[in-house]
PDB file of all heavy atoms in Angstrom:
ATOM      1  N   ALA A   1       0.826  -1.200   0.000  1.00  0.00           N
ATOM      2  CA  ALA A   1       0.000   0.000   0.000  1.00  0.00           C
ATOM      3  C   ALA A   1       0.860   1.249   0.000  1.00  0.00           C
ATOM      4  O   ALA A   1       0.520   2.276  -0.595  1.00  0.00           O
ATOM      5  CB  ALA A   1      -0.921  -0.008   1.215  1.00  0.00           C
ATOM      6  N   SER A   2       2.005   1.193   0.663  1.00  0.00           N
ATOM      7  CA  SER A   2       2.865   2.389   0.716  1.00  0.00           C
ATOM      8  C   SER A   2       3.439   2.738  -0.639  1.00  0.00           C
ATOM      9  O   SER A   2       3.824   3.883  -0.889  1.00  0.00           O
ATOM     10  CB  SER A   2       4.000   2.163   1.711  1.00  0.00           C
ATOM     11  OG  SER A   2       4.807   1.067   1.296  1.00  0.00           O
ATOM     12  N   ALA A   3       3.485   1.759  -1.550  1.00  0.00           N
ATOM     13  CA  ALA A   3       4.069   2.025  -2.857  1.00  0.00           C
ATOM     14  C   ALA A   3       3.192   2.892  -3.726  1.00  0.00           C
ATOM     15  O   ALA A   3       3.632   3.376  -4.761  1.00  0.00           O
ATOM     16  CB  ALA A   3       4.341   0.699  -3.584  1.00  0.00           C
ATOM     17  N   VAL A   4       1.939   3.101  -3.343  1.00  0.00           N
ATOM     18  CA  VAL A   4       1.047   3.875  -4.192  1.00  0.00           C
ATOM     19  C   VAL A   4       1.060   5.360  -3.867  1.00  0.00           C
ATOM     20  O   VAL A   4       0.382   6.141  -4.516  1.00  0.00           O
ATOM     21  CB  VAL A   4      -0.403   3.353  -4.089  1.00  0.00           C
ATOM     22  CG1 VAL A   4      -0.456   1.888  -4.422  1.00  0.00           C
ATOM     23  CG2 VAL A   4      -0.992   3.606  -2.718  1.00  0.00           C
ATOM     24  N   MET A   5       1.781   5.786  -2.863  1.00  0.00           N
ATOM     25  CA  MET A   5       1.773   7.190  -2.491  1.00  0.00           C
ATOM     26  C   MET A   5       2.463   8.028  -3.558  1.00  0.00           C
ATOM     27  O   MET A   5       3.502   7.666  -4.086  1.00  0.00           O
ATOM     28  CB  MET A   5       2.476   7.396  -1.146  1.00  0.00           C
ATOM     29  CG  MET A   5       1.916   6.514  -0.048  1.00  0.00           C
ATOM     30  SD  MET A   5       0.113   6.616   0.056  1.00  0.00           S
ATOM     31  CE  MET A   5      -0.210   5.406   1.307  1.00  0.00           C
ATOM     32  N   VAL A   6       1.875   9.151  -3.880  1.00  0.00           N
ATOM     33  CA  VAL A   6       2.452  10.078  -4.833  1.00  0.00           C
ATOM     34  C   VAL A   6       2.491  11.457  -4.210  1.00  0.00           C
ATOM     35  O   VAL A   6       1.869  11.727  -3.191  1.00  0.00           O
ATOM     36  CB  VAL A   6       1.621  10.143  -6.146  1.00  0.00           C
ATOM     37  CG1 VAL A   6       1.633   8.800  -6.842  1.00  0.00           C
ATOM     38  CG2 VAL A   6       0.208  10.587  -5.866  1.00  0.00           C
ATOM     39  N   GLN A   7       3.251  12.339  -4.825  1.00  0.00           N
ATOM     40  CA  GLN A   7       3.375  13.703  -4.317  1.00  0.00           C
ATOM     41  C   GLN A   7       2.024  14.404  -4.377  1.00  0.00           C
ATOM     42  O   GLN A   7       1.356  14.400  -5.401  1.00  0.00           O
ATOM     43  CB  GLN A   7       4.384  14.480  -5.168  1.00  0.00           C
ATOM     44  CG  GLN A   7       4.608  15.908  -4.705  1.00  0.00           C
ATOM     45  CD  GLN A   7       5.237  15.963  -3.327  1.00  0.00           C
ATOM     46  OE1 GLN A   7       6.079  15.151  -3.005  1.00  0.00           O
ATOM     47  NE2 GLN A   7       4.797  16.903  -2.510  1.00  0.00           N
ATOM     48  N   ALA A   8       1.548  14.972  -3.264  1.00  0.00           N
ATOM     49  CA  ALA A   8       0.274  15.691  -3.232  1.00  0.00           C
ATOM     50  C   ALA A   8       0.335  16.900  -4.147  1.00  0.00           C
ATOM     51  O   ALA A   8       1.356  17.558  -4.255  1.00  0.00           O
ATOM     52  CB  ALA A   8      -0.031  16.131  -1.805  1.00  0.00           C
ATOM     53  N   ASN A   9      -0.794  17.199  -4.804  1.00  0.00           N
ATOM     54  CA  ASN A   9      -0.778  18.351  -5.693  1.00  0.00           C
ATOM     55  C   ASN A   9      -0.980  19.638  -4.907  1.00  0.00           C
ATOM     56  O   ASN A   9      -1.224  19.640  -3.704  1.00  0.00           O
ATOM     57  CB  ASN A   9      -1.812  18.187  -6.819  1.00  0.00           C
ATOM     58  CG  ASN A   9      -3.240  18.314  -6.337  1.00  0.00           C
ATOM     59  OD1 ASN A   9      -3.524  19.006  -5.360  1.00  0.00           O
ATOM     60  ND2 ASN A   9      -4.146  17.645  -7.021  1.00  0.00           N
ATOM     61  N   ALA A  10      -0.905  20.742  -5.622  1.00  0.00           N
ATOM     62  CA  ALA A  10      -0.916  22.048  -4.954  1.00  0.00           C
ATOM     63  C   ALA A  10      -2.232  22.352  -4.281  1.00  0.00           C
ATOM     64  O   ALA A  10      -2.301  23.221  -3.412  1.00  0.00           O
ATOM     65  CB  ALA A  10      -0.594  23.132  -5.979  1.00  0.00           C
ATOM     66  N   ALA A  11      -3.316  21.625  -4.676  1.00  0.00           N
ATOM     67  CA  ALA A  11      -4.626  21.903  -4.083  1.00  0.00           C
ATOM     68  C   ALA A  11      -4.760  21.326  -2.683  1.00  0.00           C
ATOM     69  O   ALA A  11      -5.692  21.656  -1.967  1.00  0.00           O
ATOM     70  CB  ALA A  11      -5.732  21.346  -4.976  1.00  0.00           C
ATOM     71  N   MET A  12      -3.852  20.430  -2.289  1.00  0.00           N
ATOM     72  CA  MET A  12      -3.967  19.791  -0.991  1.00  0.00           C
ATOM     73  C   MET A  12      -3.511  20.715   0.127  1.00  0.00           C
ATOM     74  O   MET A  12      -2.566  21.480  -0.038  1.00  0.00           O
ATOM     75  CB  MET A  12      -3.131  18.507  -0.949  1.00  0.00           C
ATOM     76  CG  MET A  12      -3.701  17.375  -1.761  1.00  0.00           C
ATOM     77  SD  MET A  12      -2.614  15.955  -1.705  1.00  0.00           S
ATOM     78  CE  MET A  12      -2.609  15.625   0.062  1.00  0.00           C
ATOM     79  N   PRO A  13      -4.155  20.647   1.290  1.00  0.00           N
ATOM     80  CA  PRO A  13      -3.706  21.435   2.425  1.00  0.00           C
ATOM     81  C   PRO A  13      -2.291  21.051   2.828  1.00  0.00           C
ATOM     82  O   PRO A  13      -1.919  19.880   2.814  1.00  0.00           O
ATOM     83  CB  PRO A  13      -4.717  21.053   3.533  1.00  0.00           C
ATOM     84  CG  PRO A  13      -5.878  20.478   2.816  1.00  0.00           C
ATOM     85  CD  PRO A  13      -5.346  19.861   1.584  1.00  0.00           C
ATOM     86  N   SER A  14      -1.492  22.028   3.190  1.00  0.00           N
ATOM     87  CA  SER A  14      -0.112  21.795   3.565  1.00  0.00           C
ATOM     88  C   SER A  14      -0.036  20.871   4.776  1.00  0.00           C
ATOM     89  O   SER A  14      -0.716  21.076   5.774  1.00  0.00           O
ATOM     90  CB  SER A  14       0.572  23.130   3.892  1.00  0.00           C
ATOM     91  OG  SER A  14       1.878  22.911   4.349  1.00  0.00           O
ATOM     92  N   GLY A  15       0.782  19.822   4.674  1.00  0.00           N
ATOM     93  CA  GLY A  15       1.012  18.938   5.800  1.00  0.00           C
ATOM     94  C   GLY A  15      -0.041  17.872   5.994  1.00  0.00           C
ATOM     95  O   GLY A  15       0.094  17.038   6.884  1.00  0.00           O
ATOM     96  N   ALA A  16      -1.116  17.862   5.181  1.00  0.00           N
ATOM     97  CA  ALA A  16      -2.184  16.888   5.368  1.00  0.00           C
ATOM     98  C   ALA A  16      -1.787  15.557   4.739  1.00  0.00           C
ATOM     99  O   ALA A  16      -1.343  15.509   3.601  1.00  0.00           O
ATOM    100  CB  ALA A  16      -3.472  17.396   4.737  1.00  0.00           C
ATOM    101  N   ALA A  17      -1.966  14.476   5.490  1.00  0.00           N
ATOM    102  CA  ALA A  17      -1.704  13.140   4.968  1.00  0.00           C
ATOM    103  C   ALA A  17      -3.004  12.599   4.385  1.00  0.00           C
ATOM    104  O   ALA A  17      -3.952  12.320   5.124  1.00  0.00           O
ATOM    105  CB  ALA A  17      -1.191  12.235   6.080  1.00  0.00           C
ATOM    106  N   ARG A  18      -3.061  12.444   3.100  1.00  0.00           N
ATOM    107  CA  ARG A  18      -4.269  11.968   2.421  1.00  0.00           C
ATOM    108  C   ARG A  18      -3.881  10.871   1.440  1.00  0.00           C
ATOM    109  O   ARG A  18      -3.894  11.056   0.232  1.00  0.00           O
ATOM    110  CB  ARG A  18      -4.980  13.126   1.729  1.00  0.00           C
ATOM    111  CG  ARG A  18      -5.482  14.192   2.701  1.00  0.00           C
ATOM    112  CD  ARG A  18      -6.036  15.428   1.998  1.00  0.00           C
ATOM    113  NE  ARG A  18      -7.217  15.144   1.202  1.00  0.00           N
ATOM    114  CZ  ARG A  18      -7.855  16.078   0.477  1.00  0.00           C
ATOM    115  NH1 ARG A  18      -7.418  17.340   0.483  1.00  0.00           N
ATOM    116  NH2 ARG A  18      -8.926  15.754  -0.225  1.00  0.00           N
ATOM    117  N   PRO A  19      -3.540   9.695   1.969  1.00  0.00           N
ATOM    118  CA  PRO A  19      -3.023   8.645   1.091  1.00  0.00           C
ATOM    119  C   PRO A  19      -4.019   8.175   0.045  1.00  0.00           C
ATOM    120  O   PRO A  19      -3.624   7.772  -1.051  1.00  0.00           O
ATOM    121  CB  PRO A  19      -2.664   7.518   2.071  1.00  0.00           C
ATOM    122  CG  PRO A  19      -3.481   7.796   3.297  1.00  0.00           C
ATOM    123  CD  PRO A  19      -3.572   9.280   3.381  1.00  0.00           C
ATOM    124  N   HIS A  20      -5.314   8.199   0.366  1.00  0.00           N
ATOM    125  CA  HIS A  20      -6.283   7.723  -0.623  1.00  0.00           C
ATOM    126  C   HIS A  20      -6.510   8.749  -1.718  1.00  0.00           C
ATOM    127  O   HIS A  20      -6.778   8.393  -2.874  1.00  0.00           O
ATOM    128  CB  HIS A  20      -7.581   7.305   0.077  1.00  0.00           C
ATOM    129  CG  HIS A  20      -7.369   6.135   0.989  1.00  0.00           C
ATOM    130  ND1 HIS A  20      -7.474   6.224   2.355  1.00  0.00           N
ATOM    131  CD2 HIS A  20      -6.994   4.850   0.722  1.00  0.00           C
ATOM    132  CE1 HIS A  20      -7.193   5.040   2.886  1.00  0.00           C
ATOM    133  NE2 HIS A  20      -6.895   4.204   1.923  1.00  0.00           N
ATOM    134  N   LEU A  21      -6.403  10.020  -1.394  1.00  0.00           N
ATOM    135  CA  LEU A  21      -6.387  11.030  -2.451  1.00  0.00           C
ATOM    136  C   LEU A  21      -5.143  10.863  -3.311  1.00  0.00           C
ATOM    137  O   LEU A  21      -5.211  10.938  -4.547  1.00  0.00           O
ATOM    138  CB  LEU A  21      -6.429  12.441  -1.865  1.00  0.00           C
ATOM    139  CG  LEU A  21      -6.271  13.566  -2.898  1.00  0.00           C
ATOM    140  CD1 LEU A  21      -7.424  13.559  -3.896  1.00  0.00           C
ATOM    141  CD2 LEU A  21      -6.165  14.920  -2.221  1.00  0.00           C
ATOM    142  N   ASP A  22      -3.993  10.641  -2.678  1.00  0.00           N
ATOM    143  CA  ASP A  22      -2.770  10.430  -3.440  1.00  0.00           C
ATOM    144  C   ASP A  22      -2.933   9.287  -4.443  1.00  0.00           C
ATOM    145  O   ASP A  22      -2.504   9.384  -5.597  1.00  0.00           O
ATOM    146  CB  ASP A  22      -1.615  10.101  -2.493  1.00  0.00           C
ATOM    147  CG  ASP A  22      -1.200  11.274  -1.621  1.00  0.00           C
ATOM    148  OD1 ASP A  22      -1.619  12.409  -1.905  1.00  0.00           O
ATOM    149  OD2 ASP A  22      -0.455  11.036  -0.648  1.00  0.00           O
ATOM    150  N   ALA A  23      -3.553   8.200  -3.996  1.00  0.00           N
ATOM    151  CA  ALA A  23      -3.755   7.057  -4.884  1.00  0.00           C
ATOM    152  C   ALA A  23      -4.703   7.415  -6.027  1.00  0.00           C
ATOM    153  O   ALA A  23      -4.490   7.019  -7.174  1.00  0.00           O
ATOM    154  CB  ALA A  23      -4.277   5.870  -4.092  1.00  0.00           C
ATOM    155  N   ALA A  24      -5.772   8.165  -5.723  1.00  0.00           N
ATOM    156  CA  ALA A  24      -6.695   8.596  -6.769  1.00  0.00           C
ATOM    157  C   ALA A  24      -5.993   9.490  -7.784  1.00  0.00           C
ATOM    158  O   ALA A  24      -6.251   9.403  -8.996  1.00  0.00           O
ATOM    159  CB  ALA A  24      -7.890   9.321  -6.150  1.00  0.00           C
ATOM    160  N   LEU A  25      -5.095  10.334  -7.309  1.00  0.00           N
ATOM    161  CA  LEU A  25      -4.345  11.199  -8.222  1.00  0.00           C
ATOM    162  C   LEU A  25      -3.406  10.390  -9.106  1.00  0.00           C
ATOM    163  O   LEU A  25      -3.203  10.725 -10.284  1.00  0.00           O
ATOM    164  CB  LEU A  25      -3.561  12.239  -7.427  1.00  0.00           C
ATOM    165  CG  LEU A  25      -4.398  13.273  -6.672  1.00  0.00           C
ATOM    166  CD1 LEU A  25      -3.499  14.161  -5.821  1.00  0.00           C
ATOM    167  CD2 LEU A  25      -5.223  14.110  -7.635  1.00  0.00           C
ATOM    168  N   ALA A  26      -2.830   9.320  -8.550  1.00  0.00           N
ATOM    169  CA  ALA A  26      -1.983   8.458  -9.370  1.00  0.00           C
ATOM    170  C   ALA A  26      -2.806   7.761 -10.446  1.00  0.00           C
ATOM    171  O   ALA A  26      -2.351   7.585 -11.583  1.00  0.00           O
ATOM    172  CB  ALA A  26      -1.277   7.434  -8.484  1.00  0.00           C
TER     173      ALA A  26
END
């Protein structure tokens, strides 16, 4: 599961951990 993390885009709040959004963005 950790392999799916991607860099959060600029729309994300600073410092927020949103792994499922990261996966959706990937």
